[in-house]
Amino acid sequence: MADTETMPQGGVNPDRVGIMMDVLDNIISDLNDNPGLQKIFGVPVSAGLVVVADNNDLRIEDAGKVNLTEEQQNSFLNVLDEVIRANSV
């Protein structure tokens, strides 16, 4: 019988980046509900955003559908940071 302490457990491989789908759903909902982002991206906000894999990291970025001003870019990044922190475990 194999030693269960050395056998990999189910779930996300610790060498890969992952996010629980319920957390991602909460982040999307919070972004969609933000009035400031609605003014920038329209409704739903998520239609103007993408999740991208960047090496060993997942990022939420604008999809390039709107030419963001520097002020809009900063506003988006501030709201995104707030939303992700609020939904972090």
PDB file of N, CA and C in Angstrom:
ATOM      1  N   MET A   1       0.844  -1.185   0.000  1.00  0.00           N
ATOM      2  CA  MET A   1       0.000   0.000   0.000  1.00  0.00           C
ATOM      3  C   MET A   1       0.885   1.244   0.000  1.00  0.00           C
ATOM      4  N   ALA A   2       0.511   2.249  -0.786  1.00  0.00           N
ATOM      5  CA  ALA A   2       1.299   3.480  -0.912  1.00  0.00           C
ATOM      6  C   ALA A   2       1.113   4.366   0.306  1.00  0.00           C
ATOM      7  N   ASP A   3       2.130   5.133   0.599  1.00  0.00           N
ATOM      8  CA  ASP A   3       2.090   6.105   1.693  1.00  0.00           C
ATOM      9  C   ASP A   3       1.244   7.285   1.256  1.00  0.00           C
ATOM     10  N   THR A   4       0.113   7.509   1.926  1.00  0.00           N
ATOM     11  CA  THR A   4      -0.816   8.580   1.520  1.00  0.00           C
ATOM     12  C   THR A   4      -0.254   9.964   1.763  1.00  0.00           C
ATOM     13  N   GLU A   5       0.751  10.088   2.615  1.00  0.00           N
ATOM     14  CA  GLU A   5       1.327  11.417   2.852  1.00  0.00           C
ATOM     15  C   GLU A   5       2.125  11.900   1.660  1.00  0.00           C
ATOM     16  N   THR A   6       2.661  10.986   0.845  1.00  0.00           N
ATOM     17  CA  THR A   6       3.450  11.398  -0.313  1.00  0.00           C
ATOM     18  C   THR A   6       2.640  11.371  -1.598  1.00  0.00           C
ATOM     19  N   MET A   7       1.427  10.854  -1.546  1.00  0.00           N
ATOM     20  CA  MET A   7       0.569  10.810  -2.725  1.00  0.00           C
ATOM     21  C   MET A   7      -0.056  12.193  -2.924  1.00  0.00           C
ATOM     22  N   PRO A   8      -0.143  12.658  -4.180  1.00  0.00           N
ATOM     23  CA  PRO A   8      -0.789  13.961  -4.410  1.00  0.00           C
ATOM     24  C   PRO A   8      -2.262  13.902  -4.033  1.00  0.00           C
ATOM     25  N   GLN A   9      -2.750  14.974  -3.428  1.00  0.00           N
ATOM     26  CA  GLN A   9      -4.152  15.092  -3.061  1.00  0.00           C
ATOM     27  C   GLN A   9      -4.926  15.671  -4.232  1.00  0.00           C
ATOM     28  N   GLY A  10      -6.236  15.485  -4.227  1.00  0.00           N
ATOM     29  CA  GLY A  10      -7.072  16.049  -5.276  1.00  0.00           C
ATOM     30  C   GLY A  10      -7.078  17.556  -5.215  1.00  0.00           C
ATOM     31  N   GLY A  11      -7.520  18.192  -6.280  1.00  0.00           N
ATOM     32  CA  GLY A  11      -7.603  19.651  -6.304  1.00  0.00           C
ATOM     33  C   GLY A  11      -6.543  20.260  -7.187  1.00  0.00           C
ATOM     34  N   VAL A  12      -6.249  21.513  -6.945  1.00  0.00           N
ATOM     35  CA  VAL A  12      -5.329  22.272  -7.777  1.00  0.00           C
ATOM     36  C   VAL A  12      -3.892  21.877  -7.474  1.00  0.00           C
ATOM     37  N   ASN A  13      -3.130  21.637  -8.506  1.00  0.00           N
ATOM     38  CA  ASN A  13      -1.704  21.355  -8.377  1.00  0.00           C
ATOM     39  C   ASN A  13      -1.038  22.594  -7.778  1.00  0.00           C
ATOM     40  N   PRO A  14      -0.283  22.459  -6.684  1.00  0.00           N
ATOM     41  CA  PRO A  14       0.319  23.645  -6.042  1.00  0.00           C
ATOM     42  C   PRO A  14       1.332  24.367  -6.927  1.00  0.00           C
ATOM     43  N   ASP A  15       1.784  23.731  -8.005  1.00  0.00           N
ATOM     44  CA  ASP A  15       2.722  24.377  -8.920  1.00  0.00           C
ATOM     45  C   ASP A  15       2.005  25.198  -9.991  1.00  0.00           C
ATOM     46  N   ARG A  16       0.669  25.234  -9.940  1.00  0.00           N
ATOM     47  CA  ARG A  16      -0.114  25.984 -10.917  1.00  0.00           C
ATOM     48  C   ARG A  16      -0.967  27.014 -10.199  1.00  0.00           C
ATOM     49  N   VAL A  17      -1.319  28.064 -10.919  1.00  0.00           N
ATOM     50  CA  VAL A  17      -2.163  29.116 -10.361  1.00  0.00           C
ATOM     51  C   VAL A  17      -3.617  28.709 -10.547  1.00  0.00           C
ATOM     52  N   GLY A  18      -4.436  28.918  -9.528  1.00  0.00           N
ATOM     53  CA  GLY A  18      -5.850  28.607  -9.638  1.00  0.00           C
ATOM     54  C   GLY A  18      -6.678  29.575  -8.828  1.00  0.00           C
ATOM     55  N   ILE A  19      -7.932  29.684  -9.197  1.00  0.00           N
ATOM     56  CA  ILE A  19      -8.880  30.503  -8.442  1.00  0.00           C
ATOM     57  C   ILE A  19     -10.189  29.729  -8.402  1.00  0.00           C
ATOM     58  N   MET A  20     -10.772  29.657  -7.243  1.00  0.00           N
ATOM     59  CA  MET A  20     -12.036  28.947  -7.097  1.00  0.00           C
ATOM     60  C   MET A  20     -13.103  29.664  -7.934  1.00  0.00           C
ATOM     61  N   MET A  21     -13.936  28.891  -8.590  1.00  0.00           N
ATOM     62  CA  MET A  21     -14.935  29.464  -9.489  1.00  0.00           C
ATOM     63  C   MET A  21     -15.941  30.347  -8.753  1.00  0.00           C
ATOM     64  N   ASP A  22     -16.271  30.010  -7.505  1.00  0.00           N
ATOM     65  CA  ASP A  22     -17.203  30.855  -6.763  1.00  0.00           C
ATOM     66  C   ASP A  22     -16.584  32.208  -6.452  1.00  0.00           C
ATOM     67  N   VAL A  23     -15.278  32.226  -6.202  1.00  0.00           N
ATOM     68  CA  VAL A  23     -14.579  33.488  -5.951  1.00  0.00           C
ATOM     69  C   VAL A  23     -14.542  34.313  -7.241  1.00  0.00           C
ATOM     70  N   LEU A  24     -14.257  33.657  -8.358  1.00  0.00           N
ATOM     71  CA  LEU A  24     -14.249  34.356  -9.640  1.00  0.00           C
ATOM     72  C   LEU A  24     -15.631  34.932  -9.953  1.00  0.00           C
ATOM     73  N   ASP A  25     -16.668  34.164  -9.637  1.00  0.00           N
ATOM     74  CA  ASP A  25     -18.043  34.634  -9.841  1.00  0.00           C
ATOM     75  C   ASP A  25     -18.320  35.879  -8.995  1.00  0.00           C
ATOM     76  N   ASN A  26     -17.855  35.880  -7.747  1.00  0.00           N
ATOM     77  CA  ASN A  26     -18.037  37.049  -6.863  1.00  0.00           C
ATOM     78  C   ASN A  26     -17.289  38.261  -7.410  1.00  0.00           C
ATOM     79  N   ILE A  27     -16.077  38.045  -7.896  1.00  0.00           N
ATOM     80  CA  ILE A  27     -15.285  39.149  -8.453  1.00  0.00           C
ATOM     81  C   ILE A  27     -16.001  39.732  -9.671  1.00  0.00           C
ATOM     82  N   ILE A  28     -16.477  38.869 -10.553  1.00  0.00           N
ATOM     83  CA  ILE A  28     -17.191  39.332 -11.747  1.00  0.00           C
ATOM     84  C   ILE A  28     -18.437  40.122 -11.352  1.00  0.00           C
ATOM     85  N   SER A  29     -19.195  39.612 -10.378  1.00  0.00           N
ATOM     86  CA  SER A  29     -20.407  40.317  -9.921  1.00  0.00           C
ATOM     87  C   SER A  29     -20.075  41.683  -9.350  1.00  0.00           C
ATOM     88  N   ASP A  30     -19.038  41.745  -8.520  1.00  0.00           N
ATOM     89  CA  ASP A  30     -18.640  43.025  -7.919  1.00  0.00           C
ATOM     90  C   ASP A  30     -18.198  44.026  -8.982  1.00  0.00           C
ATOM     91  N   LEU A  31     -17.447  43.554  -9.986  1.00  0.00           N
ATOM     92  CA  LEU A  31     -17.021  44.440 -11.066  1.00  0.00           C
ATOM     93  C   LEU A  31     -18.227  44.913 -11.877  1.00  0.00           C
ATOM     94  N   ASN A  32     -19.150  43.998 -12.173  1.00  0.00           N
ATOM     95  CA  ASN A  32     -20.350  44.354 -12.939  1.00  0.00           C
ATOM     96  C   ASN A  32     -21.225  45.355 -12.203  1.00  0.00           C
ATOM     97  N   ASP A  33     -21.229  45.316 -10.872  1.00  0.00           N
ATOM     98  CA  ASP A  33     -22.087  46.190 -10.066  1.00  0.00           C
ATOM     99  C   ASP A  33     -21.475  47.560  -9.798  1.00  0.00           C
ATOM    100  N   ASN A  34     -20.228  47.784 -10.200  1.00  0.00           N
ATOM    101  CA  ASN A  34     -19.548  49.037  -9.884  1.00  0.00           C
ATOM    102  C   ASN A  34     -19.958  50.139 -10.865  1.00  0.00           C
ATOM    103  N   PRO A  35     -20.620  51.197 -10.352  1.00  0.00           N
ATOM    104  CA  PRO A  35     -21.096  52.279 -11.231  1.00  0.00           C
ATOM    105  C   PRO A  35     -19.979  52.976 -12.005  1.00  0.00           C
ATOM    106  N   GLY A  36     -18.828  53.156 -11.381  1.00  0.00           N
ATOM    107  CA  GLY A  36     -17.713  53.805 -12.066  1.00  0.00           C
ATOM    108  C   GLY A  36     -17.229  52.991 -13.249  1.00  0.00           C
ATOM    109  N   LEU A  37     -17.150  51.673 -13.065  1.00  0.00           N
ATOM    110  CA  LEU A  37     -16.713  50.814 -14.167  1.00  0.00           C
ATOM    111  C   LEU A  37     -17.795  50.696 -15.231  1.00  0.00           C
ATOM    112  N   GLN A  38     -19.060  50.785 -14.823  1.00  0.00           N
ATOM    113  CA  GLN A  38     -20.150  50.758 -15.796  1.00  0.00           C
ATOM    114  C   GLN A  38     -20.045  51.956 -16.740  1.00  0.00           C
ATOM    115  N   LYS A  39     -19.647  53.118 -16.198  1.00  0.00           N
ATOM    116  CA  LYS A  39     -19.487  54.309 -17.036  1.00  0.00           C
ATOM    117  C   LYS A  39     -18.346  54.130 -18.037  1.00  0.00           C
ATOM    118  N   ILE A  40     -17.323  53.381 -17.641  1.00  0.00           N
ATOM    119  CA  ILE A  40     -16.161  53.176 -18.516  1.00  0.00           C
ATOM    120  C   ILE A  40     -16.425  52.074 -19.542  1.00  0.00           C
ATOM    121  N   PHE A  41     -16.901  50.912 -19.075  1.00  0.00           N
ATOM    122  CA  PHE A  41     -16.998  49.724 -19.925  1.00  0.00           C
ATOM    123  C   PHE A  41     -18.406  49.414 -20.419  1.00  0.00           C
ATOM    124  N   GLY A  42     -19.419  50.069 -19.853  1.00  0.00           N
ATOM    125  CA  GLY A  42     -20.795  49.728 -20.189  1.00  0.00           C
ATOM    126  C   GLY A  42     -21.301  48.604 -19.307  1.00  0.00           C
ATOM    127  N   VAL A  43     -22.499  48.124 -19.614  1.00  0.00           N
ATOM    128  CA  VAL A  43     -23.145  47.082 -18.819  1.00  0.00           C
ATOM    129  C   VAL A  43     -23.371  45.875 -19.718  1.00  0.00           C
ATOM    130  N   PRO A  44     -22.918  44.702 -19.341  1.00  0.00           N
ATOM    131  CA  PRO A  44     -22.158  44.395 -18.140  1.00  0.00           C
ATOM    132  C   PRO A  44     -20.683  44.765 -18.309  1.00  0.00           C
ATOM    133  N   VAL A  45     -20.070  45.158 -17.227  1.00  0.00           N
ATOM    134  CA  VAL A  45     -18.654  45.524 -17.216  1.00  0.00           C
ATOM    135  C   VAL A  45     -17.807  44.357 -17.724  1.00  0.00           C
ATOM    136  N   SER A  46     -18.171  43.140 -17.328  1.00  0.00           N
ATOM    137  CA  SER A  46     -17.373  41.956 -17.656  1.00  0.00           C
ATOM    138  C   SER A  46     -17.241  41.720 -19.163  1.00  0.00           C
ATOM    139  N   ALA A  47     -18.137  42.281 -19.970  1.00  0.00           N
ATOM    140  CA  ALA A  47     -18.029  42.132 -21.421  1.00  0.00           C
ATOM    141  C   ALA A  47     -16.827  42.897 -21.974  1.00  0.00           C
ATOM    142  N   GLY A  48     -16.275  43.810 -21.182  1.00  0.00           N
ATOM    143  CA  GLY A  48     -15.112  44.573 -21.609  1.00  0.00           C
ATOM    144  C   GLY A  48     -13.821  44.123 -20.947  1.00  0.00           C
ATOM    145  N   LEU A  49     -13.874  42.985 -20.240  1.00  0.00           N
ATOM    146  CA  LEU A  49     -12.713  42.502 -19.499  1.00  0.00           C
ATOM    147  C   LEU A  49     -12.354  41.078 -19.919  1.00  0.00           C
ATOM    148  N   VAL A  50     -11.104  40.702 -19.690  1.00  0.00           N
ATOM    149  CA  VAL A  50     -10.637  39.341 -19.950  1.00  0.00           C
ATOM    150  C   VAL A  50      -9.786  38.863 -18.784  1.00  0.00           C
ATOM    151  N   VAL A  51      -9.741  37.553 -18.599  1.00  0.00           N
ATOM    152  CA  VAL A  51      -8.801  36.932 -17.661  1.00  0.00           C
ATOM    153  C   VAL A  51      -7.698  36.345 -18.526  1.00  0.00           C
ATOM    154  N   VAL A  52      -6.462  36.736 -18.260  1.00  0.00           N
ATOM    155  CA  VAL A  52      -5.330  36.253 -19.051  1.00  0.00           C
ATOM    156  C   VAL A  52      -4.337  35.538 -18.154  1.00  0.00           C
ATOM    157  N   ALA A  53      -3.677  34.552 -18.728  1.00  0.00           N
ATOM    158  CA  ALA A  53      -2.594  33.861 -18.037  1.00  0.00           C
ATOM    159  C   ALA A  53      -1.298  34.565 -18.414  1.00  0.00           C
ATOM    160  N   ASP A  54      -0.554  35.001 -17.415  1.00  0.00           N
ATOM    161  CA  ASP A  54       0.715  35.689 -17.624  1.00  0.00           C
ATOM    162  C   ASP A  54       1.767  34.915 -16.852  1.00  0.00           C
ATOM    163  N   ASN A  55       2.493  34.050 -17.572  1.00  0.00           N
ATOM    164  CA  ASN A  55       3.438  33.127 -16.942  1.00  0.00           C
ATOM    165  C   ASN A  55       2.712  32.319 -15.880  1.00  0.00           C
ATOM    166  N   ASN A  56       3.039  32.508 -14.621  1.00  0.00           N
ATOM    167  CA  ASN A  56       2.416  31.720 -13.557  1.00  0.00           C
ATOM    168  C   ASN A  56       1.469  32.603 -12.740  1.00  0.00           C
ATOM    169  N   ASP A  57       0.686  33.423 -13.453  1.00  0.00           N
ATOM    170  CA  ASP A  57      -0.201  34.373 -12.792  1.00  0.00           C
ATOM    171  C   ASP A  57      -1.461  34.531 -13.635  1.00  0.00           C
ATOM    172  N   LEU A  58      -2.586  34.755 -12.972  1.00  0.00           N
ATOM    173  CA  LEU A  58      -3.826  35.080 -13.674  1.00  0.00           C
ATOM    174  C   LEU A  58      -4.110  36.556 -13.450  1.00  0.00           C
ATOM    175  N   ARG A  59      -4.500  37.247 -14.506  1.00  0.00           N
ATOM    176  CA  ARG A  59      -4.762  38.680 -14.418  1.00  0.00           C
ATOM    177  C   ARG A  59      -6.099  39.011 -15.064  1.00  0.00           C
ATOM    178  N   ILE A  60      -6.757  40.013 -14.518  1.00  0.00           N
ATOM    179  CA  ILE A  60      -7.957  40.566 -15.145  1.00  0.00           C
ATOM    180  C   ILE A  60      -7.529  41.876 -15.793  1.00  0.00           C
ATOM    181  N   GLU A  61      -7.796  41.983 -17.084  1.00  0.00           N
ATOM    182  CA  GLU A  61      -7.394  43.166 -17.833  1.00  0.00           C
ATOM    183  C   GLU A  61      -8.544  43.648 -18.706  1.00  0.00           C
ATOM    184  N   ASP A  62      -8.433  44.893 -19.167  1.00  0.00           N
ATOM    185  CA  ASP A  62      -9.445  45.368 -20.111  1.00  0.00           C
ATOM    186  C   ASP A  62      -9.210  44.652 -21.437  1.00  0.00           C
ATOM    187  N   ALA A  63     -10.273  44.416 -22.169  1.00  0.00           N
ATOM    188  CA  ALA A  63     -10.201  43.647 -23.413  1.00  0.00           C
ATOM    189  C   ALA A  63      -9.822  44.497 -24.617  1.00  0.00           C
ATOM    190  N   GLY A  64      -9.572  45.774 -24.386  1.00  0.00           N
ATOM    191  CA  GLY A  64      -9.180  46.652 -25.482  1.00  0.00           C
ATOM    192  C   GLY A  64     -10.347  47.152 -26.313  1.00  0.00           C
ATOM    193  N   LYS A  65     -11.564  46.963 -25.822  1.00  0.00           N
ATOM    194  CA  LYS A  65     -12.752  47.433 -26.550  1.00  0.00           C
ATOM    195  C   LYS A  65     -12.965  48.931 -26.377  1.00  0.00           C
ATOM    196  N   VAL A  66     -12.363  49.494 -25.325  1.00  0.00           N
ATOM    197  CA  VAL A  66     -12.490  50.916 -25.020  1.00  0.00           C
ATOM    198  C   VAL A  66     -11.078  51.492 -24.930  1.00  0.00           C
ATOM    199  N   ASN A  67     -10.859  52.629 -25.573  1.00  0.00           N
ATOM    200  CA  ASN A  67      -9.577  53.319 -25.424  1.00  0.00           C
ATOM    201  C   ASN A  67      -9.601  54.073 -24.101  1.00  0.00           C
ATOM    202  N   LEU A  68      -8.946  53.507 -23.097  1.00  0.00           N
ATOM    203  CA  LEU A  68      -8.979  54.096 -21.759  1.00  0.00           C
ATOM    204  C   LEU A  68      -8.029  55.277 -21.657  1.00  0.00           C
ATOM    205  N   THR A  69      -8.515  56.333 -21.016  1.00  0.00           N
ATOM    206  CA  THR A  69      -7.629  57.437 -20.664  1.00  0.00           C
ATOM    207  C   THR A  69      -6.789  56.986 -19.478  1.00  0.00           C
ATOM    208  N   GLU A  70      -5.780  57.738 -19.151  1.00  0.00           N
ATOM    209  CA  GLU A  70      -4.950  57.404 -17.994  1.00  0.00           C
ATOM    210  C   GLU A  70      -5.786  57.411 -16.716  1.00  0.00           C
ATOM    211  N   GLU A  71      -6.705  58.367 -16.618  1.00  0.00           N
ATOM    212  CA  GLU A  71      -7.585  58.457 -15.451  1.00  0.00           C
ATOM    213  C   GLU A  71      -8.495  57.227 -15.359  1.00  0.00           C
ATOM    214  N   GLN A  72      -9.065  56.811 -16.489  1.00  0.00           N
ATOM    215  CA  GLN A  72      -9.924  55.626 -16.497  1.00  0.00           C
ATOM    216  C   GLN A  72      -9.126  54.364 -16.161  1.00  0.00           C
ATOM    217  N   GLN A  73      -7.920  54.262 -16.698  1.00  0.00           N
ATOM    218  CA  GLN A  73      -7.050  53.113 -16.408  1.00  0.00           C
ATOM    219  C   GLN A  73      -6.754  53.049 -14.913  1.00  0.00           C
ATOM    220  N   ASN A  74      -6.420  54.176 -14.307  1.00  0.00           N
ATOM    221  CA  ASN A  74      -6.134  54.211 -12.869  1.00  0.00           C
ATOM    222  C   ASN A  74      -7.366  53.863 -12.049  1.00  0.00           C
ATOM    223  N   SER A  75      -8.516  54.379 -12.455  1.00  0.00           N
ATOM    224  CA  SER A  75      -9.769  54.072 -11.770  1.00  0.00           C
ATOM    225  C   SER A  75     -10.057  52.574 -11.850  1.00  0.00           C
ATOM    226  N   PHE A  76      -9.921  51.996 -13.038  1.00  0.00           N
ATOM    227  CA  PHE A  76     -10.137  50.565 -13.227  1.00  0.00           C
ATOM    228  C   PHE A  76      -9.211  49.751 -12.326  1.00  0.00           C
ATOM    229  N   LEU A  77      -7.931  50.090 -12.317  1.00  0.00           N
ATOM    230  CA  LEU A  77      -6.966  49.340 -11.501  1.00  0.00           C
ATOM    231  C   LEU A  77      -7.258  49.466 -10.012  1.00  0.00           C
ATOM    232  N   ASN A  78      -7.681  50.656  -9.567  1.00  0.00           N
ATOM    233  CA  ASN A  78      -8.018  50.844  -8.152  1.00  0.00           C
ATOM    234  C   ASN A  78      -9.230  50.010  -7.750  1.00  0.00           C
ATOM    235  N   VAL A  79     -10.280  50.030  -8.580  1.00  0.00           N
ATOM    236  CA  VAL A  79     -11.483  49.240  -8.285  1.00  0.00           C
ATOM    237  C   VAL A  79     -11.145  47.757  -8.335  1.00  0.00           C
ATOM    238  N   LEU A  80     -10.393  47.341  -9.341  1.00  0.00           N
ATOM    239  CA  LEU A  80     -10.006  45.938  -9.465  1.00  0.00           C
ATOM    240  C   LEU A  80      -9.241  45.472  -8.236  1.00  0.00           C
ATOM    241  N   ASP A  81      -8.308  46.283  -7.778  1.00  0.00           N
ATOM    242  CA  ASP A  81      -7.534  45.947  -6.582  1.00  0.00           C
ATOM    243  C   ASP A  81      -8.450  45.800  -5.364  1.00  0.00           C
ATOM    244  N   GLU A  82      -9.368  46.747  -5.195  1.00  0.00           N
ATOM    245  CA  GLU A  82     -10.321  46.687  -4.078  1.00  0.00           C
ATOM    246  C   GLU A  82     -11.163  45.418  -4.131  1.00  0.00           C
ATOM    247  N   VAL A  83     -11.700  45.113  -5.299  1.00  0.00           N
ATOM    248  CA  VAL A  83     -12.578  43.954  -5.475  1.00  0.00           C
ATOM    249  C   VAL A  83     -11.814  42.654  -5.207  1.00  0.00           C
ATOM    250  N   ILE A  84     -10.619  42.547  -5.739  1.00  0.00           N
ATOM    251  CA  ILE A  84      -9.847  41.310  -5.518  1.00  0.00           C
ATOM    252  C   ILE A  84      -9.484  41.159  -4.059  1.00  0.00           C
ATOM    253  N   ARG A  85      -9.070  42.239  -3.423  1.00  0.00           N
ATOM    254  CA  ARG A  85      -8.744  42.155  -1.987  1.00  0.00           C
ATOM    255  C   ARG A  85      -9.966  41.776  -1.158  1.00  0.00           C
ATOM    256  N   ALA A  86     -11.127  42.311  -1.500  1.00  0.00           N
ATOM    257  CA  ALA A  86     -12.354  42.007  -0.767  1.00  0.00           C
ATOM    258  C   ALA A  86     -12.765  40.548  -0.929  1.00  0.00           C
ATOM    259  N   ASN A  87     -12.367  39.926  -2.030  1.00  0.00           N
ATOM    260  CA  ASN A  87     -12.747  38.540  -2.283  1.00  0.00           C
ATOM    261  C   ASN A  87     -11.627  37.547  -2.015  1.00  0.00           C
ATOM    262  N   SER A  88     -10.498  38.024  -1.501  1.00  0.00           N
ATOM    263  CA  SER A  88      -9.390  37.131  -1.159  1.00  0.00           C
ATOM    264  C   SER A  88      -9.664  36.410   0.132  1.00  0.00           C
ATOM    265  N   VAL A  89      -9.156  35.223   0.214  1.00  0.00           N
ATOM    266  CA  VAL A  89      -9.377  34.412   1.406  1.00  0.00           C
ATOM    267  C   VAL A  89      -8.320  34.666   2.443  1.00  0.00           C
TER     268      VAL A  89
END
